[in-house]
Amino acid sequence: MINKFLVKHPLITEKVTEISKQGKYAFLVDKKATSPEIKKIIHSIYKVDVTKVNIINVKSKTRRLGRTVGTKPGYKKAIVTLASGQKLDVLPQ
């Protein structure tokens, strides 16, 4: 049984919109998600063929606001490469 909640939502940034022309899309995923799980979930949700999944763990960072020191939480993102000729419609128009 695959947990569809491991993939939270697509990431939409300038860099991601540029690589989407190459058939690559980025998703925010749960910290426990693995590459094979992400591949199966993206295939089941969007009905596309995934050829490759790259995972990036973004570390948490400390930030200050005046005297107060806090942290921005870390997250895990997956860059999914689709088979040639396939597209996802996750970017807003």
C-alpha atoms as a PDB file:
ATOM      1  CA  MET A   1       0.000   0.000   0.000  1.00  0.00           C
ATOM      2  CA  ILE A   2       1.444   3.327  -1.082  1.00  0.00           C
ATOM      3  CA  ASN A   3       0.742   6.368   1.063  1.00  0.00           C
ATOM      4  CA  LYS A   4      -0.275   9.151  -1.348  1.00  0.00           C
ATOM      5  CA  PHE A   5       0.349  11.737   1.379  1.00  0.00           C
ATOM      6  CA  LEU A   6       4.132  11.310   1.118  1.00  0.00           C
ATOM      7  CA  VAL A   7       4.074  13.774  -1.808  1.00  0.00           C
ATOM      8  CA  LYS A   8       2.702  17.017  -0.360  1.00  0.00           C
ATOM      9  CA  HIS A   9       2.516  19.461  -3.287  1.00  0.00           C
ATOM     10  CA  PRO A  10       4.451  20.662  -6.343  1.00  0.00           C
ATOM     11  CA  LEU A  11       7.050  23.382  -5.832  1.00  0.00           C
ATOM     12  CA  ILE A  12       6.681  26.426  -8.065  1.00  0.00           C
ATOM     13  CA  THR A  13       9.741  28.669  -8.331  1.00  0.00           C
ATOM     14  CA  GLU A  14      11.569  30.410 -11.163  1.00  0.00           C
ATOM     15  CA  LYS A  15      14.153  27.655 -11.298  1.00  0.00           C
ATOM     16  CA  VAL A  16      11.498  24.917 -11.423  1.00  0.00           C
ATOM     17  CA  THR A  17       9.629  26.653 -14.250  1.00  0.00           C
ATOM     18  CA  GLU A  18      12.888  26.750 -16.228  1.00  0.00           C
ATOM     19  CA  ILE A  19      13.658  23.046 -15.728  1.00  0.00           C
ATOM     20  CA  SER A  20      10.053  22.120 -16.530  1.00  0.00           C
ATOM     21  CA  LYS A  21      10.938  22.815 -20.172  1.00  0.00           C
ATOM     22  CA  GLN A  22      13.295  19.816 -19.908  1.00  0.00           C
ATOM     23  CA  GLY A  23      10.562  17.577 -18.477  1.00  0.00           C
ATOM     24  CA  LYS A  24      11.638  17.928 -14.825  1.00  0.00           C
ATOM     25  CA  TYR A  25       9.261  18.897 -12.014  1.00  0.00           C
ATOM     26  CA  ALA A  26       9.873  19.470  -8.290  1.00  0.00           C
ATOM     27  CA  PHE A  27       7.674  18.295  -5.428  1.00  0.00           C
ATOM     28  CA  LEU A  28       7.778  18.854  -1.679  1.00  0.00           C
ATOM     29  CA  VAL A  29       7.784  15.398  -0.102  1.00  0.00           C
ATOM     30  CA  ASP A  30       7.697  13.892   3.365  1.00  0.00           C
ATOM     31  CA  LYS A  31      11.058  13.323   5.066  1.00  0.00           C
ATOM     32  CA  LYS A  32      10.431   9.558   5.150  1.00  0.00           C
ATOM     33  CA  ALA A  33       9.700   9.226   1.408  1.00  0.00           C
ATOM     34  CA  THR A  34      12.060   7.204  -0.779  1.00  0.00           C
ATOM     35  CA  SER A  35      12.735   7.441  -4.513  1.00  0.00           C
ATOM     36  CA  PRO A  36      10.785   4.294  -5.527  1.00  0.00           C
ATOM     37  CA  GLU A  37       7.783   5.399  -3.431  1.00  0.00           C
ATOM     38  CA  ILE A  38       7.807   8.869  -4.997  1.00  0.00           C
ATOM     39  CA  LYS A  39       8.029   7.342  -8.480  1.00  0.00           C
ATOM     40  CA  LYS A  40       4.980   5.126  -7.845  1.00  0.00           C
ATOM     41  CA  ILE A  41       2.947   7.946  -6.278  1.00  0.00           C
ATOM     42  CA  ILE A  42       3.611  10.403  -9.132  1.00  0.00           C
ATOM     43  CA  HIS A  43       2.723   7.679 -11.646  1.00  0.00           C
ATOM     44  CA  SER A  44      -0.534   6.868  -9.834  1.00  0.00           C
ATOM     45  CA  ILE A  45      -1.635  10.495  -9.301  1.00  0.00           C
ATOM     46  CA  TYR A  46      -0.676  12.088 -12.631  1.00  0.00           C
ATOM     47  CA  LYS A  47      -0.667   9.001 -14.944  1.00  0.00           C
ATOM     48  CA  VAL A  48       2.789   9.772 -16.393  1.00  0.00           C
ATOM     49  CA  ASP A  49       5.942   7.681 -16.794  1.00  0.00           C
ATOM     50  CA  VAL A  50       8.713   8.721 -14.400  1.00  0.00           C
ATOM     51  CA  THR A  51      12.240   7.903 -15.576  1.00  0.00           C
ATOM     52  CA  LYS A  52      14.269   9.374 -12.719  1.00  0.00           C
ATOM     53  CA  VAL A  53      13.824  10.784  -9.195  1.00  0.00           C
ATOM     54  CA  ASN A  54      16.473  12.956  -7.539  1.00  0.00           C
ATOM     55  CA  ILE A  55      16.052  13.814  -3.858  1.00  0.00           C
ATOM     56  CA  ILE A  56      17.434  16.864  -2.048  1.00  0.00           C
ATOM     57  CA  ASN A  57      17.389  17.280   1.740  1.00  0.00           C
ATOM     58  CA  VAL A  58      17.339  20.994   2.567  1.00  0.00           C
ATOM     59  CA  LYS A  59      18.747  21.564   6.060  1.00  0.00           C
ATOM     60  CA  SER A  60      17.086  23.834   8.604  1.00  0.00           C
ATOM     61  CA  LYS A  61      18.568  27.332   8.937  1.00  0.00           C
ATOM     62  CA  THR A  62      18.812  29.735  11.838  1.00  0.00           C
ATOM     63  CA  ARG A  63      17.300  33.177  11.315  1.00  0.00           C
ATOM     64  CA  ARG A  64      17.226  36.195  13.558  1.00  0.00           C
ATOM     65  CA  LEU A  65      14.745  38.981  13.934  1.00  0.00           C
ATOM     66  CA  GLY A  66      16.273  41.554  16.246  1.00  0.00           C
ATOM     67  CA  ARG A  67      17.350  39.768  19.413  1.00  0.00           C
ATOM     68  CA  THR A  68      15.191  36.729  18.766  1.00  0.00           C
ATOM     69  CA  VAL A  69      16.846  33.715  17.149  1.00  0.00           C
ATOM     70  CA  GLY A  70      14.654  31.142  15.444  1.00  0.00           C
ATOM     71  CA  THR A  71      14.924  28.414  12.852  1.00  0.00           C
ATOM     72  CA  LYS A  72      13.390  27.854   9.451  1.00  0.00           C
ATOM     73  CA  PRO A  73      12.418  24.195   9.218  1.00  0.00           C
ATOM     74  CA  GLY A  74      14.218  21.902   6.828  1.00  0.00           C
ATOM     75  CA  TYR A  75      12.392  19.976   4.127  1.00  0.00           C
ATOM     76  CA  LYS A  76      12.868  17.316   1.489  1.00  0.00           C
ATOM     77  CA  LYS A  77      12.206  17.898  -2.199  1.00  0.00           C
ATOM     78  CA  ALA A  78      12.166  15.529  -5.132  1.00  0.00           C
ATOM     79  CA  ILE A  79      12.996  16.454  -8.719  1.00  0.00           C
ATOM     80  CA  VAL A  80      11.096  14.096 -10.992  1.00  0.00           C
ATOM     81  CA  THR A  81      12.156  13.536 -14.610  1.00  0.00           C
ATOM     82  CA  LEU A  82       9.399  12.389 -16.960  1.00  0.00           C
ATOM     83  CA  ALA A  83       9.679  10.301 -20.103  1.00  0.00           C
ATOM     84  CA  SER A  84      10.271  12.311 -23.261  1.00  0.00           C
ATOM     85  CA  GLY A  85       7.148  13.906 -24.713  1.00  0.00           C
ATOM     86  CA  GLN A  86       5.193  13.905 -21.438  1.00  0.00           C
ATOM     87  CA  LYS A  87       4.095  16.944 -19.440  1.00  0.00           C
ATOM     88  CA  LEU A  88       2.474  17.789 -16.123  1.00  0.00           C
ATOM     89  CA  ASP A  89       0.039  20.652 -15.721  1.00  0.00           C
ATOM     90  CA  VAL A  90       1.035  21.754 -12.222  1.00  0.00           C
ATOM     91  CA  LEU A  91       2.217  25.274 -13.022  1.00  0.00           C
ATOM     92  CA  PRO A  92      -0.318  28.087 -12.751  1.00  0.00           C
ATOM     93  CA  GLN A  93      -1.082  30.000 -15.944  1.00  0.00           C
END
